[in-house]
Amino acid sequence: STLVNPNALRWLLPKSTNRVSEPASVAVSIDKDHNYYIDSGITPFSMLETKIVERLKDKEDACINIQAEKSVPIEHIVRVMNIAKDHGYKVILATAPE
């Protein structure tokens, strides 16, 4: 899905025709060097789950917006998706419009 987020880092994303207008509760980005970010702040993977849970603790229908550069191997995306699954969060995979 495509999500417009003014605070998102600017990267080359996969393309899609799907659009989502609802904002995500927390944005997790992964760059080409496999660095993880929460919103625009770099976060080591070892701290990612703790920080996500902290940010989403009081949110109903909590959602993670994953924004990964096109070249990022899928296993890095799946790691974030597993955090979402373990805590019952929804996931949006950000893409660029086609």
PDB file of N, CA and C in Angstrom:
ATOM      1  N   SER A   1       0.834  -1.186   0.000  1.00  0.00           N
ATOM      2  CA  SER A   1       0.000   0.000   0.000  1.00  0.00           C
ATOM      3  C   SER A   1       0.872   1.240   0.000  1.00  0.00           C
ATOM      4  N   THR A   2       0.383   2.295  -0.533  1.00  0.00           N
ATOM      5  CA  THR A   2       1.098   3.561  -0.545  1.00  0.00           C
ATOM      6  C   THR A   2       0.558   4.433   0.574  1.00  0.00           C
ATOM      7  N   LEU A   3       1.427   4.929   1.407  1.00  0.00           N
ATOM      8  CA  LEU A   3       1.044   5.796   2.504  1.00  0.00           C
ATOM      9  C   LEU A   3       1.852   7.072   2.384  1.00  0.00           C
ATOM     10  N   VAL A   4       1.188   8.197   2.411  1.00  0.00           N
ATOM     11  CA  VAL A   4       1.891   9.472   2.343  1.00  0.00           C
ATOM     12  C   VAL A   4       2.213   9.891   3.764  1.00  0.00           C
ATOM     13  N   ASN A   5       3.519  10.024   4.067  1.00  0.00           N
ATOM     14  CA  ASN A   5       3.973  10.393   5.394  1.00  0.00           C
ATOM     15  C   ASN A   5       4.979  11.526   5.242  1.00  0.00           C
ATOM     16  N   PRO A   6       4.650  12.725   5.692  1.00  0.00           N
ATOM     17  CA  PRO A   6       5.547  13.864   5.508  1.00  0.00           C
ATOM     18  C   PRO A   6       6.867  13.720   6.265  1.00  0.00           C
ATOM     19  N   ASN A   7       6.922  12.889   7.331  1.00  0.00           N
ATOM     20  CA  ASN A   7       8.146  12.709   8.104  1.00  0.00           C
ATOM     21  C   ASN A   7       8.983  11.538   7.606  1.00  0.00           C
ATOM     22  N   ALA A   8       8.526  10.850   6.584  1.00  0.00           N
ATOM     23  CA  ALA A   8       9.222   9.661   6.096  1.00  0.00           C
ATOM     24  C   ALA A   8      10.525  10.035   5.412  1.00  0.00           C
ATOM     25  N   LEU A   9      11.477   9.124   5.515  1.00  0.00           N
ATOM     26  CA  LEU A   9      12.737   9.300   4.806  1.00  0.00           C
ATOM     27  C   LEU A   9      12.474   9.087   3.323  1.00  0.00           C
ATOM     28  N   ARG A  10      13.204   9.753   2.472  1.00  0.00           N
ATOM     29  CA  ARG A  10      12.989   9.683   1.021  1.00  0.00           C
ATOM     30  C   ARG A  10      13.885   8.621   0.404  1.00  0.00           C
ATOM     31  N   TRP A  11      13.284   7.497  -0.007  1.00  0.00           N
ATOM     32  CA  TRP A  11      14.024   6.405  -0.606  1.00  0.00           C
ATOM     33  C   TRP A  11      13.310   5.897  -1.833  1.00  0.00           C
ATOM     34  N   LEU A  12      14.012   5.114  -2.619  1.00  0.00           N
ATOM     35  CA  LEU A  12      13.435   4.461  -3.781  1.00  0.00           C
ATOM     36  C   LEU A  12      12.661   3.240  -3.293  1.00  0.00           C
ATOM     37  N   LEU A  13      11.337   3.293  -3.406  1.00  0.00           N
ATOM     38  CA  LEU A  13      10.461   2.230  -2.910  1.00  0.00           C
ATOM     39  C   LEU A  13       9.932   1.390  -4.060  1.00  0.00           C
ATOM     40  N   PRO A  14       9.497   0.158  -3.764  1.00  0.00           N
ATOM     41  CA  PRO A  14       8.809  -0.616  -4.793  1.00  0.00           C
ATOM     42  C   PRO A  14       7.533   0.123  -5.196  1.00  0.00           C
ATOM     43  N   LYS A  15       7.029  -0.134  -6.386  1.00  0.00           N
ATOM     44  CA  LYS A  15       5.844   0.574  -6.878  1.00  0.00           C
ATOM     45  C   LYS A  15       4.590  -0.274  -6.712  1.00  0.00           C
ATOM     46  N   SER A  16       3.469   0.406  -6.516  1.00  0.00           N
ATOM     47  CA  SER A  16       2.179  -0.254  -6.364  1.00  0.00           C
ATOM     48  C   SER A  16       1.072   0.711  -6.751  1.00  0.00           C
ATOM     49  N   THR A  17      -0.069   0.148  -7.160  1.00  0.00           N
ATOM     50  CA  THR A  17      -1.226   0.987  -7.476  1.00  0.00           C
ATOM     51  C   THR A  17      -2.167   1.115  -6.279  1.00  0.00           C
ATOM     52  N   ASN A  18      -1.924   0.388  -5.189  1.00  0.00           N
ATOM     53  CA  ASN A  18      -2.762   0.469  -3.989  1.00  0.00           C
ATOM     54  C   ASN A  18      -2.441   1.733  -3.217  1.00  0.00           C
ATOM     55  N   ARG A  19      -3.485   2.306  -2.583  1.00  0.00           N
ATOM     56  CA  ARG A  19      -3.289   3.520  -1.796  1.00  0.00           C
ATOM     57  C   ARG A  19      -3.990   3.372  -0.452  1.00  0.00           C
ATOM     58  N   VAL A  20      -3.330   3.850   0.594  1.00  0.00           N
ATOM     59  CA  VAL A  20      -3.913   3.874   1.934  1.00  0.00           C
ATOM     60  C   VAL A  20      -3.826   5.304   2.423  1.00  0.00           C
ATOM     61  N   SER A  21      -4.926   5.845   2.910  1.00  0.00           N
ATOM     62  CA  SER A  21      -4.910   7.232   3.358  1.00  0.00           C
ATOM     63  C   SER A  21      -4.805   7.362   4.874  1.00  0.00           C
ATOM     64  N   GLU A  22      -5.049   6.281   5.620  1.00  0.00           N
ATOM     65  CA  GLU A  22      -4.957   6.321   7.068  1.00  0.00           C
ATOM     66  C   GLU A  22      -3.502   6.334   7.521  1.00  0.00           C
ATOM     67  N   PRO A  23      -3.126   7.233   8.418  1.00  0.00           N
ATOM     68  CA  PRO A  23      -1.731   7.248   8.866  1.00  0.00           C
ATOM     69  C   PRO A  23      -1.419   6.058   9.766  1.00  0.00           C
ATOM     70  N   ALA A  24      -0.194   5.578   9.721  1.00  0.00           N
ATOM     71  CA  ALA A  24       0.251   4.493  10.586  1.00  0.00           C
ATOM     72  C   ALA A  24       0.570   5.044  11.967  1.00  0.00           C
ATOM     73  N   SER A  25       0.522   4.184  12.949  1.00  0.00           N
ATOM     74  CA  SER A  25       0.833   4.608  14.306  1.00  0.00           C
ATOM     75  C   SER A  25       2.324   4.834  14.502  1.00  0.00           C
ATOM     76  N   VAL A  26       3.156   4.023  13.845  1.00  0.00           N
ATOM     77  CA  VAL A  26       4.605   4.198  13.920  1.00  0.00           C
ATOM     78  C   VAL A  26       5.201   3.790  12.578  1.00  0.00           C
ATOM     79  N   ALA A  27       6.203   4.552  12.132  1.00  0.00           N
ATOM     80  CA  ALA A  27       6.865   4.251  10.862  1.00  0.00           C
ATOM     81  C   ALA A  27       8.221   3.612  11.144  1.00  0.00           C
ATOM     82  N   VAL A  28       8.460   2.444  10.522  1.00  0.00           N
ATOM     83  CA  VAL A  28       9.752   1.775  10.610  1.00  0.00           C
ATOM     84  C   VAL A  28      10.327   1.743   9.204  1.00  0.00           C
ATOM     85  N   SER A  29      11.514   2.293   9.055  1.00  0.00           N
ATOM     86  CA  SER A  29      12.169   2.338   7.749  1.00  0.00           C
ATOM     87  C   SER A  29      13.439   1.507   7.784  1.00  0.00           C
ATOM     88  N   ILE A  30      13.781   0.943   6.612  1.00  0.00           N
ATOM     89  CA  ILE A  30      15.010   0.166   6.477  1.00  0.00           C
ATOM     90  C   ILE A  30      15.728   0.676   5.231  1.00  0.00           C
ATOM     91  N   ASP A  31      16.986   1.099   5.410  1.00  0.00           N
ATOM     92  CA  ASP A  31      17.718   1.621   4.253  1.00  0.00           C
ATOM     93  C   ASP A  31      18.548   0.526   3.575  1.00  0.00           C
ATOM     94  N   LYS A  32      19.198   0.889   2.486  1.00  0.00           N
ATOM     95  CA  LYS A  32      19.956  -0.077   1.674  1.00  0.00           C
ATOM     96  C   LYS A  32      21.119  -0.699   2.433  1.00  0.00           C
ATOM     97  N   ASP A  33      21.558  -0.054   3.512  1.00  0.00           N
ATOM     98  CA  ASP A  33      22.645  -0.582   4.339  1.00  0.00           C
ATOM     99  C   ASP A  33      22.107  -1.402   5.516  1.00  0.00           C
ATOM    100  N   HIS A  34      20.797  -1.666   5.503  1.00  0.00           N
ATOM    101  CA  HIS A  34      20.099  -2.472   6.513  1.00  0.00           C
ATOM    102  C   HIS A  34      20.061  -1.793   7.872  1.00  0.00           C
ATOM    103  N   ASN A  35      20.069  -0.468   7.872  1.00  0.00           N
ATOM    104  CA  ASN A  35      19.853   0.295   9.099  1.00  0.00           C
ATOM    105  C   ASN A  35      18.355   0.449   9.308  1.00  0.00           C
ATOM    106  N   TYR A  36      17.909   0.339  10.545  1.00  0.00           N
ATOM    107  CA  TYR A  36      16.498   0.487  10.893  1.00  0.00           C
ATOM    108  C   TYR A  36      16.278   1.857  11.517  1.00  0.00           C
ATOM    109  N   TYR A  37      15.120   2.438  11.220  1.00  0.00           N
ATOM    110  CA  TYR A  37      14.753   3.754  11.743  1.00  0.00           C
ATOM    111  C   TYR A  37      13.341   3.687  12.295  1.00  0.00           C
ATOM    112  N   ILE A  38      13.103   4.390  13.382  1.00  0.00           N
ATOM    113  CA  ILE A  38      11.734   4.639  13.827  1.00  0.00           C
ATOM    114  C   ILE A  38      11.513   6.111  13.549  1.00  0.00           C
ATOM    115  N   ASP A  39      10.505   6.375  12.721  1.00  0.00           N
ATOM    116  CA  ASP A  39      10.305   7.695  12.142  1.00  0.00           C
ATOM    117  C   ASP A  39      11.617   8.074  11.463  1.00  0.00           C
ATOM    118  N   SER A  40      12.327   9.108  11.872  1.00  0.00           N
ATOM    119  CA  SER A  40      13.575   9.429  11.178  1.00  0.00           C
ATOM    120  C   SER A  40      14.811   9.179  12.038  1.00  0.00           C
ATOM    121  N   GLY A  41      14.637   8.562  13.214  1.00  0.00           N
ATOM    122  CA  GLY A  41      15.773   8.294  14.097  1.00  0.00           C
ATOM    123  C   GLY A  41      16.290   6.868  13.956  1.00  0.00           C
ATOM    124  N   ILE A  42      17.588   6.701  13.720  1.00  0.00           N
ATOM    125  CA  ILE A  42      18.176   5.376  13.564  1.00  0.00           C
ATOM    126  C   ILE A  42      18.050   4.605  14.879  1.00  0.00           C
ATOM    127  N   THR A  43      17.700   3.318  14.755  1.00  0.00           N
ATOM    128  CA  THR A  43      17.473   2.456  15.911  1.00  0.00           C
ATOM    129  C   THR A  43      18.104   1.097  15.649  1.00  0.00           C
ATOM    130  N   PRO A  44      18.986   0.621  16.522  1.00  0.00           N
ATOM    131  CA  PRO A  44      19.540  -0.721  16.320  1.00  0.00           C
ATOM    132  C   PRO A  44      18.417  -1.754  16.361  1.00  0.00           C
ATOM    133  N   PHE A  45      18.533  -2.816  15.555  1.00  0.00           N
ATOM    134  CA  PHE A  45      17.478  -3.822  15.533  1.00  0.00           C
ATOM    135  C   PHE A  45      17.223  -4.390  16.925  1.00  0.00           C
ATOM    136  N   SER A  46      18.261  -4.523  17.731  1.00  0.00           N
ATOM    137  CA  SER A  46      18.106  -5.081  19.076  1.00  0.00           C
ATOM    138  C   SER A  46      17.169  -4.239  19.955  1.00  0.00           C
ATOM    139  N   MET A  47      16.976  -2.974  19.631  1.00  0.00           N
ATOM    140  CA  MET A  47      16.102  -2.077  20.398  1.00  0.00           C
ATOM    141  C   MET A  47      14.774  -1.803  19.697  1.00  0.00           C
ATOM    142  N   LEU A  48      14.632  -2.286  18.473  1.00  0.00           N
ATOM    143  CA  LEU A  48      13.470  -1.942  17.652  1.00  0.00           C
ATOM    144  C   LEU A  48      12.157  -2.378  18.300  1.00  0.00           C
ATOM    145  N   GLU A  49      12.069  -3.626  18.709  1.00  0.00           N
ATOM    146  CA  GLU A  49      10.826  -4.135  19.287  1.00  0.00           C
ATOM    147  C   GLU A  49      10.434  -3.353  20.532  1.00  0.00           C
ATOM    148  N   THR A  50      11.382  -3.110  21.417  1.00  0.00           N
ATOM    149  CA  THR A  50      11.110  -2.362  22.646  1.00  0.00           C
ATOM    150  C   THR A  50      10.565  -0.967  22.334  1.00  0.00           C
ATOM    151  N   LYS A  51      11.187  -0.284  21.386  1.00  0.00           N
ATOM    152  CA  LYS A  51      10.756   1.070  21.041  1.00  0.00           C
ATOM    153  C   LYS A  51       9.385   1.075  20.365  1.00  0.00           C
ATOM    154  N   ILE A  52       9.121   0.079  19.505  1.00  0.00           N
ATOM    155  CA  ILE A  52       7.813  -0.009  18.853  1.00  0.00           C
ATOM    156  C   ILE A  52       6.730  -0.235  19.900  1.00  0.00           C
ATOM    157  N   VAL A  53       6.944  -1.203  20.779  1.00  0.00           N
ATOM    158  CA  VAL A  53       5.957  -1.522  21.816  1.00  0.00           C
ATOM    159  C   VAL A  53       5.710  -0.306  22.707  1.00  0.00           C
ATOM    160  N   GLU A  54       6.765   0.405  23.049  1.00  0.00           N
ATOM    161  CA  GLU A  54       6.631   1.612  23.875  1.00  0.00           C
ATOM    162  C   GLU A  54       5.752   2.654  23.177  1.00  0.00           C
ATOM    163  N   ARG A  55       5.971   2.849  21.895  1.00  0.00           N
ATOM    164  CA  ARG A  55       5.203   3.866  21.152  1.00  0.00           C
ATOM    165  C   ARG A  55       3.753   3.461  20.931  1.00  0.00           C
ATOM    166  N   LEU A  56       3.491   2.160  20.843  1.00  0.00           N
ATOM    167  CA  LEU A  56       2.151   1.702  20.505  1.00  0.00           C
ATOM    168  C   LEU A  56       1.354   1.206  21.712  1.00  0.00           C
ATOM    169  N   LYS A  57       1.905   1.339  22.919  1.00  0.00           N
ATOM    170  CA  LYS A  57       1.273   0.750  24.101  1.00  0.00           C
ATOM    171  C   LYS A  57      -0.141   1.256  24.368  1.00  0.00           C
ATOM    172  N   ASP A  58      -0.450   2.478  24.053  1.00  0.00           N
ATOM    173  CA  ASP A  58      -1.775   3.030  24.327  1.00  0.00           C
ATOM    174  C   ASP A  58      -2.623   3.211  23.071  1.00  0.00           C
ATOM    175  N   LYS A  59      -2.200   2.627  21.966  1.00  0.00           N
ATOM    176  CA  LYS A  59      -2.912   2.813  20.694  1.00  0.00           C
ATOM    177  C   LYS A  59      -3.893   1.667  20.456  1.00  0.00           C
ATOM    178  N   GLU A  60      -5.095   2.031  20.063  1.00  0.00           N
ATOM    179  CA  GLU A  60      -6.064   1.038  19.615  1.00  0.00           C
ATOM    180  C   GLU A  60      -5.836   0.817  18.132  1.00  0.00           C
ATOM    181  N   ASP A  61      -5.994  -0.400  17.669  1.00  0.00           N
ATOM    182  CA  ASP A  61      -5.752  -0.725  16.259  1.00  0.00           C
ATOM    183  C   ASP A  61      -4.358  -0.281  15.827  1.00  0.00           C
ATOM    184  N   ALA A  62      -3.358  -0.591  16.634  1.00  0.00           N
ATOM    185  CA  ALA A  62      -1.986  -0.173  16.368  1.00  0.00           C
ATOM    186  C   ALA A  62      -1.484  -0.729  15.038  1.00  0.00           C
ATOM    187  N   CYS A  63      -0.699   0.089  14.359  1.00  0.00           N
ATOM    188  CA  CYS A  63      -0.229  -0.252  13.024  1.00  0.00           C
ATOM    189  C   CYS A  63       1.222   0.189  12.841  1.00  0.00           C
ATOM    190  N   ILE A  64       1.983  -0.649  12.129  1.00  0.00           N
ATOM    191  CA  ILE A  64       3.360  -0.308  11.774  1.00  0.00           C
ATOM    192  C   ILE A  64       3.413  -0.077  10.272  1.00  0.00           C
ATOM    193  N   ASN A  65       3.946   1.067   9.874  1.00  0.00           N
ATOM    194  CA  ASN A  65       4.170   1.375   8.468  1.00  0.00           C
ATOM    195  C   ASN A  65       5.621   1.016   8.167  1.00  0.00           C
ATOM    196  N   ILE A  66       5.830  -0.011   7.351  1.00  0.00           N
ATOM    197  CA  ILE A  66       7.185  -0.411   6.984  1.00  0.00           C
ATOM    198  C   ILE A  66       7.539   0.235   5.658  1.00  0.00           C
ATOM    199  N   GLN A  67       8.630   0.979   5.677  1.00  0.00           N
ATOM    200  CA  GLN A  67       9.125   1.635   4.468  1.00  0.00           C
ATOM    201  C   GLN A  67      10.546   1.139   4.243  1.00  0.00           C
ATOM    202  N   ALA A  68      10.700   0.246   3.257  1.00  0.00           N
ATOM    203  CA  ALA A  68      12.011  -0.345   2.992  1.00  0.00           C
ATOM    204  C   ALA A  68      12.443   0.000   1.574  1.00  0.00           C
ATOM    205  N   GLU A  69      13.713   0.384   1.449  1.00  0.00           N
ATOM    206  CA  GLU A  69      14.237   0.640   0.113  1.00  0.00           C
ATOM    207  C   GLU A  69      14.092  -0.606  -0.743  1.00  0.00           C
ATOM    208  N   LYS A  70      13.945  -0.397  -2.027  1.00  0.00           N
ATOM    209  CA  LYS A  70      13.713  -1.456  -3.000  1.00  0.00           C
ATOM    210  C   LYS A  70      14.750  -2.582  -2.930  1.00  0.00           C
ATOM    211  N   SER A  71      15.985  -2.264  -2.608  1.00  0.00           N
ATOM    212  CA  SER A  71      17.069  -3.247  -2.605  1.00  0.00           C
ATOM    213  C   SER A  71      17.193  -4.034  -1.295  1.00  0.00           C
ATOM    214  N   VAL A  72      16.382  -3.723  -0.292  1.00  0.00           N
ATOM    215  CA  VAL A  72      16.474  -4.395   1.006  1.00  0.00           C
ATOM    216  C   VAL A  72      15.968  -5.831   0.878  1.00  0.00           C
ATOM    217  N   PRO A  73      16.770  -6.820   1.319  1.00  0.00           N
ATOM    218  CA  PRO A  73      16.319  -8.213   1.267  1.00  0.00           C
ATOM    219  C   PRO A  73      15.047  -8.414   2.102  1.00  0.00           C
ATOM    220  N   ILE A  74      14.164  -9.255   1.623  1.00  0.00           N
ATOM    221  CA  ILE A  74      12.859  -9.467   2.250  1.00  0.00           C
ATOM    222  C   ILE A  74      12.977  -9.902   3.707  1.00  0.00           C
ATOM    223  N   GLU A  75      14.048 -10.615   4.079  1.00  0.00           N
ATOM    224  CA  GLU A  75      14.152 -11.083   5.466  1.00  0.00           C
ATOM    225  C   GLU A  75      14.196  -9.932   6.467  1.00  0.00           C
ATOM    226  N   HIS A  76      14.691  -8.763   6.061  1.00  0.00           N
ATOM    227  CA  HIS A  76      14.702  -7.611   6.961  1.00  0.00           C
ATOM    228  C   HIS A  76      13.287  -7.073   7.169  1.00  0.00           C
ATOM    229  N   ILE A  77      12.492  -7.115   6.137  1.00  0.00           N
ATOM    230  CA  ILE A  77      11.085  -6.702   6.238  1.00  0.00           C
ATOM    231  C   ILE A  77      10.317  -7.693   7.099  1.00  0.00           C
ATOM    232  N   VAL A  78      10.573  -8.989   6.894  1.00  0.00           N
ATOM    233  CA  VAL A  78       9.894 -10.038   7.653  1.00  0.00           C
ATOM    234  C   VAL A  78      10.220  -9.929   9.142  1.00  0.00           C
ATOM    235  N   ARG A  79      11.422  -9.517   9.493  1.00  0.00           N
ATOM    236  CA  ARG A  79      11.773  -9.338  10.902  1.00  0.00           C
ATOM    237  C   ARG A  79      10.846  -8.323  11.576  1.00  0.00           C
ATOM    238  N   VAL A  80      10.557  -7.240  10.870  1.00  0.00           N
ATOM    239  CA  VAL A  80       9.654  -6.219  11.418  1.00  0.00           C
ATOM    240  C   VAL A  80       8.220  -6.753  11.425  1.00  0.00           C
ATOM    241  N   MET A  81       7.840  -7.485  10.390  1.00  0.00           N
ATOM    242  CA  MET A  81       6.498  -8.072  10.343  1.00  0.00           C
ATOM    243  C   MET A  81       6.289  -9.063  11.488  1.00  0.00           C
ATOM    244  N   ASN A  82       7.338  -9.787  11.863  1.00  0.00           N
ATOM    245  CA  ASN A  82       7.232 -10.728  12.985  1.00  0.00           C
ATOM    246  C   ASN A  82       7.008 -10.004  14.304  1.00  0.00           C
ATOM    247  N   ILE A  83       7.627  -8.848  14.475  1.00  0.00           N
ATOM    248  CA  ILE A  83       7.370  -8.036  15.670  1.00  0.00           C
ATOM    249  C   ILE A  83       5.886  -7.661  15.702  1.00  0.00           C
ATOM    250  N   ALA A  84       5.375  -7.223  14.554  1.00  0.00           N
ATOM    251  CA  ALA A  84       3.960  -6.849  14.471  1.00  0.00           C
ATOM    252  C   ALA A  84       3.062  -8.041  14.808  1.00  0.00           C
ATOM    253  N   LYS A  85       3.358  -9.189  14.249  1.00  0.00           N
ATOM    254  CA  LYS A  85       2.551 -10.393  14.491  1.00  0.00           C
ATOM    255  C   LYS A  85       2.568 -10.766  15.966  1.00  0.00           C
ATOM    256  N   ASP A  86       3.753 -10.736  16.576  1.00  0.00           N
ATOM    257  CA  ASP A  86       3.888 -11.114  17.979  1.00  0.00           C
ATOM    258  C   ASP A  86       3.088 -10.221  18.922  1.00  0.00           C
ATOM    259  N   HIS A  87       2.807  -8.989  18.512  1.00  0.00           N
ATOM    260  CA  HIS A  87       2.091  -8.047  19.373  1.00  0.00           C
ATOM    261  C   HIS A  87       0.690  -7.709  18.860  1.00  0.00           C
ATOM    262  N   GLY A  88       0.289  -8.336  17.769  1.00  0.00           N
ATOM    263  CA  GLY A  88      -1.055  -8.103  17.242  1.00  0.00           C
ATOM    264  C   GLY A  88      -1.227  -6.771  16.535  1.00  0.00           C
ATOM    265  N   TYR A  89      -0.135  -6.202  16.001  1.00  0.00           N
ATOM    266  CA  TYR A  89      -0.223  -4.940  15.273  1.00  0.00           C
ATOM    267  C   TYR A  89      -0.527  -5.209  13.804  1.00  0.00           C
ATOM    268  N   LYS A  90      -1.198  -4.262  13.188  1.00  0.00           N
ATOM    269  CA  LYS A  90      -1.387  -4.296  11.730  1.00  0.00           C
ATOM    270  C   LYS A  90      -0.115  -3.801  11.064  1.00  0.00           C
ATOM    271  N   VAL A  91       0.056  -4.143   9.783  1.00  0.00           N
ATOM    272  CA  VAL A  91       1.236  -3.730   9.042  1.00  0.00           C
ATOM    273  C   VAL A  91       0.818  -3.117   7.703  1.00  0.00           C
ATOM    274  N   ILE A  92       1.458  -2.013   7.344  1.00  0.00           N
ATOM    275  CA  ILE A  92       1.320  -1.416   6.020  1.00  0.00           C
ATOM    276  C   ILE A  92       2.708  -1.390   5.421  1.00  0.00           C
ATOM    277  N   LEU A  93       2.840  -1.902   4.221  1.00  0.00           N
ATOM    278  CA  LEU A  93       4.116  -1.846   3.499  1.00  0.00           C
ATOM    279  C   LEU A  93       4.023  -0.670   2.539  1.00  0.00           C
ATOM    280  N   ALA A  94       4.841   0.340   2.781  1.00  0.00           N
ATOM    281  CA  ALA A  94       4.814   1.552   1.961  1.00  0.00           C
ATOM    282  C   ALA A  94       5.431   1.283   0.601  1.00  0.00           C
ATOM    283  N   THR A  95       4.795   1.815  -0.434  1.00  0.00           N
ATOM    284  CA  THR A  95       5.305   1.720  -1.799  1.00  0.00           C
ATOM    285  C   THR A  95       5.173   3.084  -2.466  1.00  0.00           C
ATOM    286  N   ALA A  96       5.849   3.237  -3.573  1.00  0.00           N
ATOM    287  CA  ALA A  96       5.728   4.469  -4.362  1.00  0.00           C
ATOM    288  C   ALA A  96       4.595   4.259  -5.380  1.00  0.00           C
ATOM    289  N   PRO A  97       3.891   5.307  -5.744  1.00  0.00           N
ATOM    290  CA  PRO A  97       2.818   5.159  -6.735  1.00  0.00           C
ATOM    291  C   PRO A  97       3.384   4.781  -8.104  1.00  0.00           C
ATOM    292  N   GLU A  98       2.633   3.951  -8.823  1.00  0.00           N
ATOM    293  CA  GLU A  98       3.050   3.561 -10.169  1.00  0.00           C
ATOM    294  C   GLU A  98       2.687   4.623 -11.168  1.00  0.00           C
TER     295      GLU A  98
END
